[in-house]
All heavy atoms as atom14 arrays in JSON, in Angstrom:
{
  "sequence": "TEQPKVANGASELMFEVFGEKGRHARAAVGVPA",
  "atom14_mask": [
    [1, 1, 1, 1, 1, 1, 1, 0, 0, 0, 0, 0, 0, 0],
    [1, 1, 1, 1, 1, 1, 1, 1, 1, 0, 0, 0, 0, 0],
    [1, 1, 1, 1, 1, 1, 1, 1, 1, 0, 0, 0, 0, 0],
    [1, 1, 1, 1, 1, 1, 1, 0, 0, 0, 0, 0, 0, 0],
    [1, 1, 1, 1, 1, 1, 1, 1, 1, 0, 0, 0, 0, 0],
    [1, 1, 1, 1, 1, 1, 1, 0, 0, 0, 0, 0, 0, 0],
    [1, 1, 1, 1, 1, 0, 0, 0, 0, 0, 0, 0, 0, 0],
    [1, 1, 1, 1, 1, 1, 1, 1, 0, 0, 0, 0, 0, 0],
    [1, 1, 1, 1, 0, 0, 0, 0, 0, 0, 0, 0, 0, 0],
    [1, 1, 1, 1, 1, 0, 0, 0, 0, 0, 0, 0, 0, 0],
    [1, 1, 1, 1, 1, 1, 0, 0, 0, 0, 0, 0, 0, 0],
    [1, 1, 1, 1, 1, 1, 1, 1, 1, 0, 0, 0, 0, 0],
    [1, 1, 1, 1, 1, 1, 1, 1, 0, 0, 0, 0, 0, 0],
    [1, 1, 1, 1, 1, 1, 1, 1, 0, 0, 0, 0, 0, 0],
    [1, 1, 1, 1, 1, 1, 1, 1, 1, 1, 1, 0, 0, 0],
    [1, 1, 1, 1, 1, 1, 1, 1, 1, 0, 0, 0, 0, 0],
    [1, 1, 1, 1, 1, 1, 1, 0, 0, 0, 0, 0, 0, 0],
    [1, 1, 1, 1, 1, 1, 1, 1, 1, 1, 1, 0, 0, 0],
    [1, 1, 1, 1, 0, 0, 0, 0, 0, 0, 0, 0, 0, 0],
    [1, 1, 1, 1, 1, 1, 1, 1, 1, 0, 0, 0, 0, 0],
    [1, 1, 1, 1, 1, 1, 1, 1, 1, 0, 0, 0, 0, 0],
    [1, 1, 1, 1, 0, 0, 0, 0, 0, 0, 0, 0, 0, 0],
    [1, 1, 1, 1, 1, 1, 1, 1, 1, 1, 1, 0, 0, 0],
    [1, 1, 1, 1, 1, 1, 1, 1, 1, 1, 0, 0, 0, 0],
    [1, 1, 1, 1, 1, 0, 0, 0, 0, 0, 0, 0, 0, 0],
    [1, 1, 1, 1, 1, 1, 1, 1, 1, 1, 1, 0, 0, 0],
    [1, 1, 1, 1, 1, 0, 0, 0, 0, 0, 0, 0, 0, 0],
    [1, 1, 1, 1, 1, 0, 0, 0, 0, 0, 0, 0, 0, 0],
    [1, 1, 1, 1, 1, 1, 1, 0, 0, 0, 0, 0, 0, 0],
    [1, 1, 1, 1, 0, 0, 0, 0, 0, 0, 0, 0, 0, 0],
    [1, 1, 1, 1, 1, 1, 1, 0, 0, 0, 0, 0, 0, 0],
    [1, 1, 1, 1, 1, 1, 1, 0, 0, 0, 0, 0, 0, 0],
    [1, 1, 1, 1, 1, 0, 0, 0, 0, 0, 0, 0, 0, 0]
  ],
  "atom14_positions": [
    [[165.35, 115.23, -105.23], [164.9, 114.86, -103.87], [163.99, 113.63, -103.87], [163.29, 113.38, -102.88], [164.15, 116.04, -103.23], [163.03, 116.39, -104.05], [165.07, 117.24, -103.03], [0.0, 0.0, 0.0], [0.0, 0.0, 0.0], [0.0, 0.0, 0.0], [0.0, 0.0, 0.0], [0.0, 0.0, 0.0], [0.0, 0.0, 0.0], [0.0, 0.0, 0.0]],
    [[164.02, 112.83, -104.92], [163.13, 111.67, -104.99], [163.87, 110.35, -104.74], [163.47, 109.3, -105.24], [162.42, 111.66, -106.34], [161.5, 112.88, -106.49], [160.69, 112.85, -107.75], [161.3, 112.8, -108.85], [159.46, 112.86, -107.64], [0.0, 0.0, 0.0], [0.0, 0.0, 0.0], [0.0, 0.0, 0.0], [0.0, 0.0, 0.0], [0.0, 0.0, 0.0]],
    [[164.91, 110.41, -103.91], [165.64, 109.2, -103.58], [164.73, 108.1, -103.02], [164.91, 106.93, -103.37], [166.78, 109.51, -102.59], [167.92, 110.29, -103.16], [167.68, 111.8, -103.15], [166.65, 112.29, -102.71], [168.68, 112.55, -103.62], [0.0, 0.0, 0.0], [0.0, 0.0, 0.0], [0.0, 0.0, 0.0], [0.0, 0.0, 0.0], [0.0, 0.0, 0.0]],
    [[163.73, 108.43, -102.17], [162.85, 107.36, -101.68], [162.1, 106.65, -102.81], [161.9, 105.44, -102.75], [161.89, 108.09, -100.74], [162.68, 109.28, -100.27], [163.48, 109.71, -101.48], [0.0, 0.0, 0.0], [0.0, 0.0, 0.0], [0.0, 0.0, 0.0], [0.0, 0.0, 0.0], [0.0, 0.0, 0.0], [0.0, 0.0, 0.0], [0.0, 0.0, 0.0]],
    [[161.68, 107.38, -103.83], [160.99, 106.74, -104.96], [161.94, 105.82, -105.72], [161.55, 104.75, -106.16], [160.41, 107.8, -105.9], [159.24, 108.54, -105.31], [158.71, 109.57, -106.29], [157.56, 110.35, -105.68], [157.07, 111.4, -106.58], [0.0, 0.0, 0.0], [0.0, 0.0, 0.0], [0.0, 0.0, 0.0], [0.0, 0.0, 0.0], [0.0, 0.0, 0.0]],
    [[163.19, 106.24, -105.88], [164.19, 105.39, -106.54], [164.37, 104.11, -105.73], [164.31, 103.0, -106.27], [165.53, 106.13, -106.7], [166.62, 105.19, -107.19], [165.37, 107.32, -107.65], [0.0, 0.0, 0.0], [0.0, 0.0, 0.0], [0.0, 0.0, 0.0], [0.0, 0.0, 0.0], [0.0, 0.0, 0.0], [0.0, 0.0, 0.0], [0.0, 0.0, 0.0]],
    [[164.56, 104.24, -104.42], [164.79, 103.09, -103.56], [163.63, 102.11, -103.57], [163.81, 100.91, -103.33], [165.09, 103.55, -102.13], [0.0, 0.0, 0.0], [0.0, 0.0, 0.0], [0.0, 0.0, 0.0], [0.0, 0.0, 0.0], [0.0, 0.0, 0.0], [0.0, 0.0, 0.0], [0.0, 0.0, 0.0], [0.0, 0.0, 0.0], [0.0, 0.0, 0.0]],
    [[162.43, 102.59, -103.88], [161.27, 101.71, -103.95], [161.48, 100.58, -104.96], [160.87, 99.52, -104.83], [160.0, 102.48, -104.31], [159.43, 103.21, -103.11], [159.81, 102.99, -101.97], [158.5, 104.11, -103.38], [0.0, 0.0, 0.0], [0.0, 0.0, 0.0], [0.0, 0.0, 0.0], [0.0, 0.0, 0.0], [0.0, 0.0, 0.0], [0.0, 0.0, 0.0]],
    [[162.32, 100.78, -105.95], [162.6, 99.71, -106.91], [163.11, 98.46, -106.22], [162.68, 97.34, -106.53], [0.0, 0.0, 0.0], [0.0, 0.0, 0.0], [0.0, 0.0, 0.0], [0.0, 0.0, 0.0], [0.0, 0.0, 0.0], [0.0, 0.0, 0.0], [0.0, 0.0, 0.0], [0.0, 0.0, 0.0], [0.0, 0.0, 0.0], [0.0, 0.0, 0.0]],
    [[164.01, 98.63, -105.25], [164.53, 97.48, -104.49], [163.53, 97.03, -103.43], [163.31, 95.83, -103.24], [165.87, 97.83, -103.85], [0.0, 0.0, 0.0], [0.0, 0.0, 0.0], [0.0, 0.0, 0.0], [0.0, 0.0, 0.0], [0.0, 0.0, 0.0], [0.0, 0.0, 0.0], [0.0, 0.0, 0.0], [0.0, 0.0, 0.0], [0.0, 0.0, 0.0]],
    [[162.91, 97.98, -102.76], [161.97, 97.64, -101.68], [160.79, 96.84, -102.2], [160.39, 95.83, -101.6], [161.47, 98.92, -101.0], [162.51, 99.54, -100.3], [0.0, 0.0, 0.0], [0.0, 0.0, 0.0], [0.0, 0.0, 0.0], [0.0, 0.0, 0.0], [0.0, 0.0, 0.0], [0.0, 0.0, 0.0], [0.0, 0.0, 0.0], [0.0, 0.0, 0.0]],
    [[160.21, 97.29, -103.3], [159.04, 96.59, -103.84], [159.4, 95.2, -104.35], [158.6, 94.27, -104.25], [158.38, 97.45, -104.91], [157.72, 98.68, -104.29], [157.24, 99.72, -105.29], [157.35, 99.49, -106.51], [156.77, 100.78, -104.82], [0.0, 0.0, 0.0], [0.0, 0.0, 0.0], [0.0, 0.0, 0.0], [0.0, 0.0, 0.0], [0.0, 0.0, 0.0]],
    [[160.63, 95.05, -104.87], [161.08, 93.72, -105.29], [161.08, 92.77, -104.1], [160.61, 91.63, -104.19], [162.48, 93.79, -105.9], [163.13, 92.43, -106.15], [162.46, 91.72, -107.32], [164.62, 92.57, -106.37], [0.0, 0.0, 0.0], [0.0, 0.0, 0.0], [0.0, 0.0, 0.0], [0.0, 0.0, 0.0], [0.0, 0.0, 0.0], [0.0, 0.0, 0.0]],
    [[161.62, 93.22, -102.96], [161.69, 92.34, -101.78], [160.31, 91.92, -101.32], [160.09, 90.78, -100.92], [162.46, 93.03, -100.65], [163.91, 93.3, -100.97], [164.82, 91.83, -101.5], [166.32, 92.56, -102.12], [0.0, 0.0, 0.0], [0.0, 0.0, 0.0], [0.0, 0.0, 0.0], [0.0, 0.0, 0.0], [0.0, 0.0, 0.0], [0.0, 0.0, 0.0]],
    [[159.32, 92.83, -101.39], [157.96, 92.48, -101.01], [157.36, 91.51, -102.02], [156.69, 90.55, -101.64], [157.1, 93.73, -100.87], [155.69, 93.41, -100.47], [155.41, 92.9, -99.21], [154.65, 93.61, -101.35], [154.1, 92.58, -98.84], [153.34, 93.3, -101.0], [153.07, 92.79, -99.74], [0.0, 0.0, 0.0], [0.0, 0.0, 0.0], [0.0, 0.0, 0.0]],
    [[157.61, 91.73, -103.31], [157.11, 90.8, -104.35], [157.62, 89.39, -104.12], [156.87, 88.42, -104.26], [157.59, 91.24, -105.73], [156.89, 92.4, -106.35], [157.54, 92.74, -107.7], [157.69, 91.82, -108.54], [157.9, 93.91, -107.88], [0.0, 0.0, 0.0], [0.0, 0.0, 0.0], [0.0, 0.0, 0.0], [0.0, 0.0, 0.0], [0.0, 0.0, 0.0]],
    [[158.91, 89.28, -103.79], [159.53, 87.97, -103.67], [159.22, 87.3, -102.33], [158.88, 86.12, -102.29], [161.06, 88.07, -103.88], [161.76, 86.75, -103.56], [161.38, 88.53, -105.29], [0.0, 0.0, 0.0], [0.0, 0.0, 0.0], [0.0, 0.0, 0.0], [0.0, 0.0, 0.0], [0.0, 0.0, 0.0], [0.0, 0.0, 0.0], [0.0, 0.0, 0.0]],
    [[159.3, 88.05, -101.24], [159.2, 87.46, -99.9], [157.89, 87.75, -99.19], [157.7, 87.28, -98.07], [160.37, 87.94, -99.03], [161.7, 87.48, -99.51], [162.55, 88.36, -100.18], [162.12, 86.17, -99.33], [163.79, 87.95, -100.64], [163.35, 85.75, -99.78], [164.19, 86.63, -100.44], [0.0, 0.0, 0.0], [0.0, 0.0, 0.0], [0.0, 0.0, 0.0]],
    [[156.99, 88.51, -99.78], [155.76, 88.86, -99.09], [156.06, 89.7, -97.86], [156.97, 90.54, -97.88], [0.0, 0.0, 0.0], [0.0, 0.0, 0.0], [0.0, 0.0, 0.0], [0.0, 0.0, 0.0], [0.0, 0.0, 0.0], [0.0, 0.0, 0.0], [0.0, 0.0, 0.0], [0.0, 0.0, 0.0], [0.0, 0.0, 0.0], [0.0, 0.0, 0.0]],
    [[155.33, 89.47, -96.79], [155.5, 90.28, -95.57], [156.93, 90.2, -95.02], [157.4, 91.14, -94.39], [154.49, 89.89, -94.5], [153.08, 90.38, -94.79], [152.99, 91.9, -94.93], [153.57, 92.62, -94.1], [152.33, 92.35, -95.88], [0.0, 0.0, 0.0], [0.0, 0.0, 0.0], [0.0, 0.0, 0.0], [0.0, 0.0, 0.0], [0.0, 0.0, 0.0]],
    [[157.61, 89.07, -95.25], [158.99, 88.94, -94.78], [159.92, 89.91, -95.53], [161.05, 90.14, -95.11], [159.51, 87.51, -94.96], [158.77, 86.49, -94.12], [159.41, 85.13, -94.16], [159.52, 84.56, -95.54], [160.05, 83.19, -95.59], [0.0, 0.0, 0.0], [0.0, 0.0, 0.0], [0.0, 0.0, 0.0], [0.0, 0.0, 0.0], [0.0, 0.0, 0.0]],
    [[159.44, 90.45, -96.63], [160.24, 91.38, -97.43], [160.1, 92.83, -96.99], [160.84, 93.69, -97.47], [0.0, 0.0, 0.0], [0.0, 0.0, 0.0], [0.0, 0.0, 0.0], [0.0, 0.0, 0.0], [0.0, 0.0, 0.0], [0.0, 0.0, 0.0], [0.0, 0.0, 0.0], [0.0, 0.0, 0.0], [0.0, 0.0, 0.0], [0.0, 0.0, 0.0]],
    [[159.17, 93.12, -96.08], [159.03, 94.5, -95.59], [160.19, 94.8, -94.66], [160.55, 93.97, -93.83], [157.7, 94.68, -94.88], [156.53, 94.51, -95.82], [155.38, 95.4, -95.43], [154.21, 95.14, -96.23], [153.94, 95.75, -97.38], [154.77, 96.65, -97.85], [152.84, 95.46, -98.04], [0.0, 0.0, 0.0], [0.0, 0.0, 0.0], [0.0, 0.0, 0.0]],
    [[160.74, 95.99, -94.74], [162.0, 96.27, -94.06], [162.12, 97.74, -93.69], [161.4, 98.6, -94.21], [163.17, 95.91, -94.99], [163.02, 96.55, -96.34], [162.34, 95.92, -97.37], [163.41, 97.75, -96.81], [162.33, 96.72, -98.42], [162.97, 97.84, -98.12], [0.0, 0.0, 0.0], [0.0, 0.0, 0.0], [0.0, 0.0, 0.0], [0.0, 0.0, 0.0]],
    [[163.08, 98.02, -92.81], [163.5, 99.39, -92.55], [164.4, 99.8, -93.71], [164.93, 98.95, -94.44], [164.26, 99.46, -91.22], [0.0, 0.0, 0.0], [0.0, 0.0, 0.0], [0.0, 0.0, 0.0], [0.0, 0.0, 0.0], [0.0, 0.0, 0.0], [0.0, 0.0, 0.0], [0.0, 0.0, 0.0], [0.0, 0.0, 0.0], [0.0, 0.0, 0.0]],
    [[164.59, 101.13, -93.89], [165.36, 101.53, -95.05], [165.94, 102.93, -94.87], [165.38, 103.77, -94.2], [164.44, 101.53, -96.28], [165.19, 101.79, -97.57], [164.27, 101.8, -98.73], [163.59, 103.1, -98.83], [162.59, 103.33, -99.66], [162.12, 102.39, -100.43], [162.04, 104.52, -99.7], [0.0, 0.0, 0.0], [0.0, 0.0, 0.0], [0.0, 0.0, 0.0]],
    [[167.05, 103.16, -95.54], [167.6, 104.5, -95.72], [167.7, 104.73, -97.22], [168.03, 103.81, -97.97], [168.99, 104.61, -95.08], [0.0, 0.0, 0.0], [0.0, 0.0, 0.0], [0.0, 0.0, 0.0], [0.0, 0.0, 0.0], [0.0, 0.0, 0.0], [0.0, 0.0, 0.0], [0.0, 0.0, 0.0], [0.0, 0.0, 0.0], [0.0, 0.0, 0.0]],
    [[167.39, 105.94, -97.66], [167.52, 106.31, -99.07], [168.18, 107.68, -99.1], [167.57, 108.67, -98.68], [166.16, 106.35, -99.75], [0.0, 0.0, 0.0], [0.0, 0.0, 0.0], [0.0, 0.0, 0.0], [0.0, 0.0, 0.0], [0.0, 0.0, 0.0], [0.0, 0.0, 0.0], [0.0, 0.0, 0.0], [0.0, 0.0, 0.0], [0.0, 0.0, 0.0]],
    [[169.42, 107.72, -99.54], [170.18, 108.97, -99.48], [170.77, 109.33, -100.84], [171.11, 108.45, -101.63], [171.31, 108.89, -98.43], [170.75, 108.68, -97.04], [172.28, 107.77, -98.75], [0.0, 0.0, 0.0], [0.0, 0.0, 0.0], [0.0, 0.0, 0.0], [0.0, 0.0, 0.0], [0.0, 0.0, 0.0], [0.0, 0.0, 0.0], [0.0, 0.0, 0.0]],
    [[170.87, 110.61, -101.07], [171.52, 111.1, -102.28], [173.0, 111.28, -102.01], [173.4, 111.73, -100.94], [0.0, 0.0, 0.0], [0.0, 0.0, 0.0], [0.0, 0.0, 0.0], [0.0, 0.0, 0.0], [0.0, 0.0, 0.0], [0.0, 0.0, 0.0], [0.0, 0.0, 0.0], [0.0, 0.0, 0.0], [0.0, 0.0, 0.0], [0.0, 0.0, 0.0]],
    [[173.8, 110.9, -102.99], [175.25, 111.03, -102.88], [175.78, 111.66, -104.17], [175.16, 111.53, -105.23], [175.94, 109.67, -102.62], [175.49, 109.09, -101.28], [175.65, 108.68, -103.73], [0.0, 0.0, 0.0], [0.0, 0.0, 0.0], [0.0, 0.0, 0.0], [0.0, 0.0, 0.0], [0.0, 0.0, 0.0], [0.0, 0.0, 0.0], [0.0, 0.0, 0.0]],
    [[176.93, 112.33, -104.1], [177.46, 113.0, -105.3], [178.14, 112.06, -106.3], [178.34, 112.43, -107.45], [178.44, 114.01, -104.74], [178.88, 113.43, -103.43], [177.69, 112.68, -102.9], [0.0, 0.0, 0.0], [0.0, 0.0, 0.0], [0.0, 0.0, 0.0], [0.0, 0.0, 0.0], [0.0, 0.0, 0.0], [0.0, 0.0, 0.0], [0.0, 0.0, 0.0]],
    [[178.51, 110.85, -105.87], [179.17, 109.89, -106.76], [179.09, 108.51, -106.14], [178.99, 108.36, -104.92], [180.63, 110.27, -106.97], [0.0, 0.0, 0.0], [0.0, 0.0, 0.0], [0.0, 0.0, 0.0], [0.0, 0.0, 0.0], [0.0, 0.0, 0.0], [0.0, 0.0, 0.0], [0.0, 0.0, 0.0], [0.0, 0.0, 0.0], [0.0, 0.0, 0.0]]
  ]
}
């Protein structure tokens, strides 16, 4: 159930690179494959 923590890998990268322009809406979902 930690999909949001996994997705933070991409989210935090966008903030590192773009600053405030990198903050975004997001979906983080688990899938079977």
